[in-house]
Amino acid sequence: MDNPAHAIGIAFIGAGVTTAHAVGLDFIGAGVSIAYAVGLDMITRVTQQKGYIAGTVDGIVTIDGNPVKREIICLETNGFMCVKRVYSQDNGHYLLDDLDPEREYLFFARDYKKEYEPVGYDHVEPVTKLSIKEQRELWQKWQSD
């Protein structure tokens, strides 16, 4: 790969952590069986946990500053079980919802075009600032942006 390893990044909000990287996704899934809500104004929830990880400011994923659609995979740090597999929307918005706020997660974005190396964050604690209802409202707003 000729491109720099960090040209693709992820912007997210985690418990007290804000970082300025970004990449893109378009579906929101939940559970190990990976249920997708492709381009819909809904979020598939499994356990009704209040924790979530989302991009900073507007929750976008970018490559070279432009919003993109890319896969994001979220694993529990204890055992590395896949708990979410989502894609940002074309506008770069993504939301990893329905996470246990008492656990830590490793998540990373992959470039399906294989032009950039994956970028990820480890030991991220989900935030609980928004209620489940507010998370759904935010996701619906992002659908129309």
N, C-alpha and C. Protein backbone atom coordinates (compact mmCIF):
# COMPACT_ATOMS: atom_id res chain seq x y z
N MET A 1 0.83 -1.18 0.00
CA MET A 1 0.00 0.00 0.00
C MET A 1 0.88 1.24 0.00
N ASP A 2 0.60 2.13 -0.92
CA ASP A 2 1.38 3.36 -1.03
C ASP A 2 0.87 4.46 -0.13
N ASN A 3 -0.35 4.35 0.35
CA ASN A 3 -0.95 5.40 1.16
C ASN A 3 -0.49 5.32 2.60
N PRO A 4 -0.43 6.46 3.29
CA PRO A 4 -0.04 6.43 4.69
C PRO A 4 -1.05 5.67 5.53
N ALA A 5 -0.56 4.99 6.55
CA ALA A 5 -1.40 4.13 7.38
C ALA A 5 -2.50 4.88 8.09
N HIS A 6 -2.33 6.16 8.38
CA HIS A 6 -3.35 6.88 9.14
C HIS A 6 -4.15 7.85 8.29
N ALA A 7 -4.21 7.64 6.99
CA ALA A 7 -5.05 8.49 6.16
C ALA A 7 -6.52 8.16 6.39
N ILE A 8 -6.78 7.00 6.95
CA ILE A 8 -8.13 6.61 7.32
C ILE A 8 -8.18 6.63 8.84
N GLY A 9 -9.25 7.14 9.41
CA GLY A 9 -9.33 7.22 10.86
C GLY A 9 -10.75 7.15 11.33
N ILE A 10 -10.95 7.19 12.63
CA ILE A 10 -12.28 7.14 13.22
C ILE A 10 -12.42 8.28 14.20
N ALA A 11 -13.50 9.03 14.08
CA ALA A 11 -13.82 10.04 15.08
C ALA A 11 -14.84 9.43 16.03
N PHE A 12 -14.63 9.58 17.32
CA PHE A 12 -15.59 8.98 18.24
C PHE A 12 -15.63 9.73 19.56
N ILE A 13 -16.70 9.44 20.29
CA ILE A 13 -16.84 9.93 21.65
C ILE A 13 -16.90 8.70 22.53
N GLY A 14 -15.99 8.60 23.47
CA GLY A 14 -16.00 7.53 24.45
C GLY A 14 -15.94 8.20 25.81
N ALA A 15 -16.07 7.48 26.85
CA ALA A 15 -16.12 8.06 28.19
C ALA A 15 -14.93 8.98 28.42
N GLY A 16 -15.16 10.25 28.31
CA GLY A 16 -14.14 11.24 28.57
C GLY A 16 -13.06 11.33 27.51
N VAL A 17 -13.22 10.62 26.38
CA VAL A 17 -12.20 10.62 25.35
C VAL A 17 -12.78 11.19 24.07
N THR A 18 -12.11 12.15 23.51
CA THR A 18 -12.50 12.65 22.20
C THR A 18 -11.25 12.66 21.34
N THR A 19 -11.35 12.17 20.13
CA THR A 19 -10.20 12.14 19.24
C THR A 19 -10.59 12.64 17.87
N ALA A 20 -9.63 13.08 17.12
CA ALA A 20 -9.94 13.74 15.85
C ALA A 20 -9.52 12.93 14.64
N HIS A 21 -9.84 11.66 14.60
CA HIS A 21 -9.63 10.86 13.40
C HIS A 21 -11.00 10.55 12.80
N ALA A 22 -11.07 10.08 11.56
CA ALA A 22 -12.36 9.72 10.97
C ALA A 22 -12.28 8.75 9.77
N VAL A 23 -13.31 7.79 9.57
CA VAL A 23 -13.55 6.85 8.42
C VAL A 23 -15.07 6.65 8.21
N GLY A 24 -15.67 5.87 7.28
CA GLY A 24 -17.11 5.83 7.09
C GLY A 24 -17.88 4.52 7.11
N LEU A 25 -19.18 4.53 7.49
CA LEU A 25 -20.06 3.36 7.57
C LEU A 25 -21.54 3.66 7.26
N ASP A 26 -22.42 2.66 6.90
CA ASP A 26 -23.81 2.97 6.49
C ASP A 26 -24.89 2.10 7.08
N PHE A 27 -24.56 1.12 7.88
CA PHE A 27 -25.58 0.29 8.51
C PHE A 27 -25.34 0.29 10.01
N ILE A 28 -26.37 0.00 10.78
CA ILE A 28 -26.19 -0.18 12.21
C ILE A 28 -26.68 -1.59 12.52
N GLY A 29 -25.84 -2.37 13.13
CA GLY A 29 -26.20 -3.75 13.45
C GLY A 29 -26.10 -3.97 14.93
N ALA A 30 -26.68 -5.05 15.39
CA ALA A 30 -26.58 -5.36 16.81
C ALA A 30 -26.53 -6.86 16.99
N GLY A 31 -25.81 -7.29 17.99
CA GLY A 31 -25.76 -8.70 18.32
C GLY A 31 -24.73 -9.45 17.52
N VAL A 32 -24.42 -10.62 17.97
CA VAL A 32 -23.40 -11.43 17.32
C VAL A 32 -23.85 -11.88 15.94
N SER A 33 -25.14 -12.05 15.74
CA SER A 33 -25.63 -12.49 14.44
C SER A 33 -25.61 -11.37 13.41
N ILE A 34 -25.26 -10.17 13.80
CA ILE A 34 -25.11 -9.01 12.93
C ILE A 34 -26.39 -8.71 12.15
N ALA A 35 -27.37 -8.16 12.85
CA ALA A 35 -28.59 -7.69 12.21
C ALA A 35 -28.35 -6.29 11.70
N TYR A 36 -28.68 -6.00 10.44
CA TYR A 36 -28.43 -4.68 9.87
C TYR A 36 -29.71 -3.88 9.74
N ALA A 37 -29.58 -2.60 9.91
CA ALA A 37 -30.67 -1.66 9.64
C ALA A 37 -30.17 -0.79 8.50
N VAL A 38 -30.12 -1.32 7.31
CA VAL A 38 -29.49 -0.68 6.18
C VAL A 38 -30.27 0.52 5.71
N GLY A 39 -29.68 1.70 5.89
CA GLY A 39 -30.28 2.92 5.41
C GLY A 39 -31.65 3.23 5.98
N LEU A 40 -32.03 2.60 7.05
CA LEU A 40 -33.35 2.82 7.62
C LEU A 40 -33.23 3.77 8.81
N ASP A 41 -34.36 4.29 9.25
CA ASP A 41 -34.33 5.21 10.39
C ASP A 41 -34.57 4.46 11.69
N MET A 42 -33.96 3.30 11.82
CA MET A 42 -34.14 2.50 13.03
C MET A 42 -32.80 1.95 13.46
N ILE A 43 -32.73 1.55 14.69
CA ILE A 43 -31.55 0.91 15.24
C ILE A 43 -32.01 -0.42 15.82
N THR A 44 -31.37 -1.51 15.42
CA THR A 44 -31.69 -2.81 15.96
C THR A 44 -31.00 -2.96 17.30
N ARG A 45 -31.77 -3.17 18.35
CA ARG A 45 -31.21 -3.28 19.70
C ARG A 45 -31.45 -4.70 20.21
N VAL A 46 -30.50 -5.20 20.97
CA VAL A 46 -30.60 -6.55 21.50
C VAL A 46 -30.91 -6.53 23.00
N THR A 47 -30.19 -5.73 23.77
CA THR A 47 -30.30 -5.80 25.23
C THR A 47 -30.82 -4.53 25.88
N GLN A 48 -31.03 -3.47 25.13
CA GLN A 48 -31.49 -2.19 25.66
C GLN A 48 -30.46 -1.55 26.60
N GLN A 49 -29.18 -1.80 26.35
CA GLN A 49 -28.12 -1.14 27.12
C GLN A 49 -28.03 0.31 26.68
N LYS A 50 -27.71 1.19 27.59
CA LYS A 50 -27.69 2.62 27.31
C LYS A 50 -26.36 3.12 26.74
N GLY A 51 -25.29 2.32 26.83
CA GLY A 51 -23.98 2.76 26.36
C GLY A 51 -23.90 2.87 24.84
N TYR A 52 -23.11 3.83 24.38
CA TYR A 52 -22.91 4.00 22.94
C TYR A 52 -21.56 4.65 22.68
N ILE A 53 -21.07 4.45 21.46
CA ILE A 53 -19.88 5.12 20.96
C ILE A 53 -20.29 5.73 19.63
N ALA A 54 -20.01 7.00 19.47
CA ALA A 54 -20.38 7.68 18.23
C ALA A 54 -19.26 8.63 17.85
N GLY A 55 -19.30 9.10 16.64
CA GLY A 55 -18.28 10.03 16.16
C GLY A 55 -18.37 11.38 16.84
N THR A 56 -17.26 12.10 16.87
CA THR A 56 -17.23 13.43 17.46
C THR A 56 -18.04 14.39 16.61
N VAL A 57 -18.49 15.42 17.23
CA VAL A 57 -19.31 16.46 16.61
C VAL A 57 -20.51 15.83 15.95
N ASP A 58 -20.45 15.48 14.69
CA ASP A 58 -21.57 14.86 14.00
C ASP A 58 -21.38 13.37 13.80
N GLY A 59 -20.34 12.79 14.38
CA GLY A 59 -20.14 11.34 14.28
C GLY A 59 -19.81 10.87 12.89
N ILE A 60 -18.90 11.53 12.20
CA ILE A 60 -18.62 11.13 10.83
C ILE A 60 -17.32 10.36 10.70
N VAL A 61 -17.25 9.56 9.65
CA VAL A 61 -16.07 8.82 9.27
C VAL A 61 -15.59 9.44 7.96
N THR A 62 -14.29 9.68 7.87
CA THR A 62 -13.75 10.32 6.67
C THR A 62 -12.46 9.66 6.21
N ILE A 63 -12.15 9.89 4.96
CA ILE A 63 -10.83 9.62 4.41
C ILE A 63 -10.38 10.91 3.77
N ASP A 64 -9.21 11.38 4.17
CA ASP A 64 -8.66 12.64 3.68
C ASP A 64 -9.66 13.79 3.83
N GLY A 65 -10.43 13.77 4.93
CA GLY A 65 -11.36 14.85 5.22
C GLY A 65 -12.71 14.75 4.55
N ASN A 66 -12.94 13.73 3.74
CA ASN A 66 -14.21 13.56 3.04
C ASN A 66 -15.01 12.41 3.65
N PRO A 67 -16.32 12.63 3.91
CA PRO A 67 -17.15 11.56 4.48
C PRO A 67 -17.16 10.34 3.56
N VAL A 68 -17.07 9.15 4.17
CA VAL A 68 -17.08 7.90 3.40
C VAL A 68 -17.88 6.83 4.13
N LYS A 69 -18.19 5.79 3.39
CA LYS A 69 -18.89 4.63 3.91
C LYS A 69 -17.87 3.53 4.11
N ARG A 70 -17.66 3.09 5.36
CA ARG A 70 -16.71 2.03 5.67
C ARG A 70 -17.23 1.16 6.81
N GLU A 71 -16.71 -0.04 6.89
CA GLU A 71 -17.10 -0.98 7.93
C GLU A 71 -16.41 -0.65 9.24
N ILE A 72 -17.17 -0.73 10.34
CA ILE A 72 -16.62 -0.59 11.69
C ILE A 72 -16.98 -1.86 12.45
N ILE A 73 -15.99 -2.43 13.09
CA ILE A 73 -16.18 -3.65 13.86
C ILE A 73 -15.88 -3.33 15.32
N CYS A 74 -16.76 -3.78 16.21
CA CYS A 74 -16.63 -3.50 17.65
C CYS A 74 -16.55 -4.83 18.40
N LEU A 75 -15.48 -4.98 19.18
CA LEU A 75 -15.25 -6.19 19.96
C LEU A 75 -15.22 -5.86 21.44
N GLU A 76 -15.68 -6.78 22.27
CA GLU A 76 -15.48 -6.64 23.72
C GLU A 76 -14.01 -6.91 23.98
N THR A 77 -13.38 -6.12 24.84
CA THR A 77 -11.95 -6.33 25.10
C THR A 77 -11.69 -7.59 25.91
N ASN A 78 -12.69 -8.07 26.64
CA ASN A 78 -12.55 -9.30 27.41
C ASN A 78 -13.05 -10.46 26.55
N GLY A 79 -12.16 -11.13 25.84
CA GLY A 79 -12.55 -12.27 25.02
C GLY A 79 -12.66 -11.95 23.53
N PHE A 80 -12.65 -10.71 23.17
CA PHE A 80 -12.70 -10.26 21.77
C PHE A 80 -13.91 -10.77 21.00
N MET A 81 -15.06 -10.89 21.67
CA MET A 81 -16.28 -11.27 20.99
C MET A 81 -16.81 -10.08 20.18
N CYS A 82 -17.17 -10.34 18.94
CA CYS A 82 -17.73 -9.28 18.09
C CYS A 82 -19.15 -8.96 18.57
N VAL A 83 -19.38 -7.70 18.95
CA VAL A 83 -20.70 -7.30 19.43
C VAL A 83 -21.41 -6.37 18.45
N LYS A 84 -20.66 -5.76 17.55
CA LYS A 84 -21.26 -4.87 16.54
C LYS A 84 -20.44 -4.95 15.28
N ARG A 85 -21.12 -4.84 14.17
CA ARG A 85 -20.49 -4.74 12.87
C ARG A 85 -21.38 -3.81 12.07
N VAL A 86 -20.92 -2.62 11.83
CA VAL A 86 -21.76 -1.60 11.21
C VAL A 86 -21.03 -0.94 10.04
N TYR A 87 -21.77 -0.21 9.25
CA TYR A 87 -21.22 0.62 8.19
C TYR A 87 -21.74 2.03 8.40
N SER A 88 -20.88 2.99 8.18
CA SER A 88 -21.35 4.37 8.26
C SER A 88 -22.24 4.64 7.05
N GLN A 89 -22.99 5.69 7.17
CA GLN A 89 -23.78 6.13 6.04
C GLN A 89 -22.85 6.80 5.04
N ASP A 90 -23.35 7.10 3.87
CA ASP A 90 -22.54 7.81 2.86
C ASP A 90 -22.04 9.15 3.39
N ASN A 91 -22.81 9.75 4.32
CA ASN A 91 -22.40 11.04 4.89
C ASN A 91 -21.42 10.87 6.06
N GLY A 92 -20.99 9.62 6.32
CA GLY A 92 -19.98 9.35 7.33
C GLY A 92 -20.49 9.11 8.74
N HIS A 93 -21.77 9.28 9.00
CA HIS A 93 -22.31 9.09 10.35
C HIS A 93 -22.33 7.61 10.73
N TYR A 94 -22.01 7.35 12.00
CA TYR A 94 -22.11 6.00 12.53
C TYR A 94 -22.44 6.07 14.02
N LEU A 95 -23.00 4.97 14.51
CA LEU A 95 -23.35 4.88 15.92
C LEU A 95 -23.23 3.43 16.35
N LEU A 96 -22.43 3.19 17.36
CA LEU A 96 -22.33 1.86 17.98
C LEU A 96 -23.17 1.94 19.25
N ASP A 97 -24.38 1.45 19.18
CA ASP A 97 -25.32 1.58 20.30
C ASP A 97 -25.51 0.25 21.02
N ASP A 98 -26.34 0.28 22.05
CA ASP A 98 -26.73 -0.92 22.79
C ASP A 98 -25.52 -1.61 23.42
N LEU A 99 -24.56 -0.79 23.91
CA LEU A 99 -23.35 -1.33 24.53
C LEU A 99 -23.46 -1.27 26.05
N ASP A 100 -22.86 -2.24 26.69
CA ASP A 100 -22.83 -2.29 28.15
C ASP A 100 -21.86 -1.22 28.65
N PRO A 101 -22.35 -0.21 29.37
CA PRO A 101 -21.46 0.86 29.83
C PRO A 101 -20.43 0.43 30.86
N GLU A 102 -20.56 -0.78 31.38
CA GLU A 102 -19.61 -1.30 32.37
C GLU A 102 -18.45 -2.07 31.72
N ARG A 103 -18.46 -2.17 30.39
CA ARG A 103 -17.42 -2.91 29.68
C ARG A 103 -16.59 -1.97 28.82
N GLU A 104 -15.43 -2.47 28.42
CA GLU A 104 -14.58 -1.72 27.49
C GLU A 104 -14.61 -2.42 26.13
N TYR A 105 -14.38 -1.64 25.08
CA TYR A 105 -14.47 -2.15 23.72
C TYR A 105 -13.25 -1.75 22.90
N LEU A 106 -12.97 -2.58 21.92
CA LEU A 106 -11.99 -2.31 20.89
C LEU A 106 -12.79 -2.15 19.61
N PHE A 107 -12.63 -1.03 18.91
CA PHE A 107 -13.30 -0.93 17.64
C PHE A 107 -12.35 -0.36 16.60
N PHE A 108 -12.60 -0.78 15.37
CA PHE A 108 -11.72 -0.34 14.29
C PHE A 108 -12.51 -0.24 13.00
N ALA A 109 -12.00 0.59 12.11
CA ALA A 109 -12.60 0.77 10.79
C ALA A 109 -11.71 0.10 9.76
N ARG A 110 -12.35 -0.54 8.80
CA ARG A 110 -11.64 -1.23 7.72
C ARG A 110 -12.02 -0.60 6.39
N ASP A 111 -11.05 -0.51 5.53
CA ASP A 111 -11.28 0.01 4.19
C ASP A 111 -11.50 -1.16 3.24
N TYR A 112 -12.77 -1.39 2.83
CA TYR A 112 -13.07 -2.52 1.96
C TYR A 112 -12.38 -2.42 0.60
N LYS A 113 -11.92 -1.22 0.25
CA LYS A 113 -11.20 -1.04 -1.02
C LYS A 113 -9.72 -1.43 -0.89
N LYS A 114 -9.29 -1.72 0.34
CA LYS A 114 -7.93 -2.15 0.64
C LYS A 114 -6.89 -1.10 0.26
N GLU A 115 -7.27 0.17 0.31
CA GLU A 115 -6.33 1.25 0.01
C GLU A 115 -5.65 1.77 1.26
N TYR A 116 -6.26 1.58 2.44
CA TYR A 116 -5.73 2.10 3.70
C TYR A 116 -5.74 0.99 4.75
N GLU A 117 -4.81 1.09 5.68
CA GLU A 117 -4.75 0.17 6.81
C GLU A 117 -5.89 0.47 7.78
N PRO A 118 -6.36 -0.54 8.53
CA PRO A 118 -7.40 -0.28 9.54
C PRO A 118 -6.88 0.67 10.62
N VAL A 119 -7.80 1.41 11.21
CA VAL A 119 -7.48 2.30 12.33
C VAL A 119 -8.45 1.96 13.44
N GLY A 120 -7.95 1.87 14.66
CA GLY A 120 -8.84 1.49 15.75
C GLY A 120 -8.46 2.10 17.07
N TYR A 121 -9.33 1.87 18.03
CA TYR A 121 -9.15 2.36 19.39
C TYR A 121 -9.47 1.23 20.35
N ASP A 122 -8.65 1.10 21.38
CA ASP A 122 -8.78 0.01 22.34
C ASP A 122 -9.15 0.57 23.72
N HIS A 123 -9.80 -0.24 24.53
CA HIS A 123 -10.19 0.10 25.90
C HIS A 123 -11.09 1.35 25.94
N VAL A 124 -12.04 1.42 25.01
CA VAL A 124 -12.98 2.54 24.97
C VAL A 124 -14.19 2.19 25.81
N GLU A 125 -14.54 3.08 26.71
CA GLU A 125 -15.74 2.91 27.53
C GLU A 125 -16.88 3.69 26.88
N PRO A 126 -18.02 3.05 26.65
CA PRO A 126 -19.15 3.76 26.05
C PRO A 126 -19.65 4.89 26.96
N VAL A 127 -20.21 5.90 26.37
CA VAL A 127 -20.81 6.98 27.14
C VAL A 127 -22.30 6.68 27.31
N THR A 128 -22.91 7.35 28.26
CA THR A 128 -24.35 7.17 28.52
C THR A 128 -25.04 8.53 28.58
N LYS A 129 -24.44 9.52 27.96
CA LYS A 129 -24.97 10.89 28.00
C LYS A 129 -26.38 10.98 27.43
N LEU A 130 -26.65 10.25 26.34
CA LEU A 130 -27.97 10.28 25.72
C LEU A 130 -28.78 9.07 26.15
N SER A 131 -30.07 9.28 26.34
CA SER A 131 -30.97 8.15 26.62
C SER A 131 -31.10 7.32 25.34
N ILE A 132 -31.66 6.13 25.47
CA ILE A 132 -31.89 5.29 24.28
C ILE A 132 -32.78 6.04 23.30
N LYS A 133 -33.79 6.71 23.79
CA LYS A 133 -34.68 7.50 22.92
C LYS A 133 -33.90 8.59 22.20
N GLU A 134 -33.03 9.29 22.91
CA GLU A 134 -32.24 10.36 22.30
C GLU A 134 -31.24 9.80 21.28
N GLN A 135 -30.71 8.60 21.54
CA GLN A 135 -29.82 7.97 20.56
C GLN A 135 -30.58 7.68 19.27
N ARG A 136 -31.80 7.18 19.39
CA ARG A 136 -32.63 6.91 18.20
C ARG A 136 -32.95 8.19 17.45
N GLU A 137 -33.25 9.24 18.20
CA GLU A 137 -33.54 10.53 17.56
C GLU A 137 -32.32 11.06 16.82
N LEU A 138 -31.14 10.90 17.42
CA LEU A 138 -29.91 11.34 16.77
C LEU A 138 -29.68 10.55 15.48
N TRP A 139 -29.88 9.23 15.56
CA TRP A 139 -29.70 8.39 14.36
C TRP A 139 -30.68 8.81 13.27
N GLN A 140 -31.93 9.08 13.63
CA GLN A 140 -32.92 9.52 12.64
C GLN A 140 -32.52 10.86 12.02
N LYS A 141 -31.99 11.76 12.83
CA LYS A 141 -31.54 13.05 12.31
C LYS A 141 -30.41 12.85 11.30
N TRP A 142 -29.48 11.95 11.64
CA TRP A 142 -28.37 11.68 10.73
C TRP A 142 -28.84 11.07 9.42
N GLN A 143 -29.95 10.34 9.45
CA GLN A 143 -30.51 9.74 8.24
C GLN A 143 -30.92 10.83 7.23
N SER A 144 -31.38 11.95 7.76
CA SER A 144 -31.90 13.01 6.87
C SER A 144 -30.84 14.04 6.51
N ASP A 145 -29.66 13.98 7.15
CA ASP A 145 -28.60 14.95 6.84
C ASP A 145 -27.95 14.65 5.51
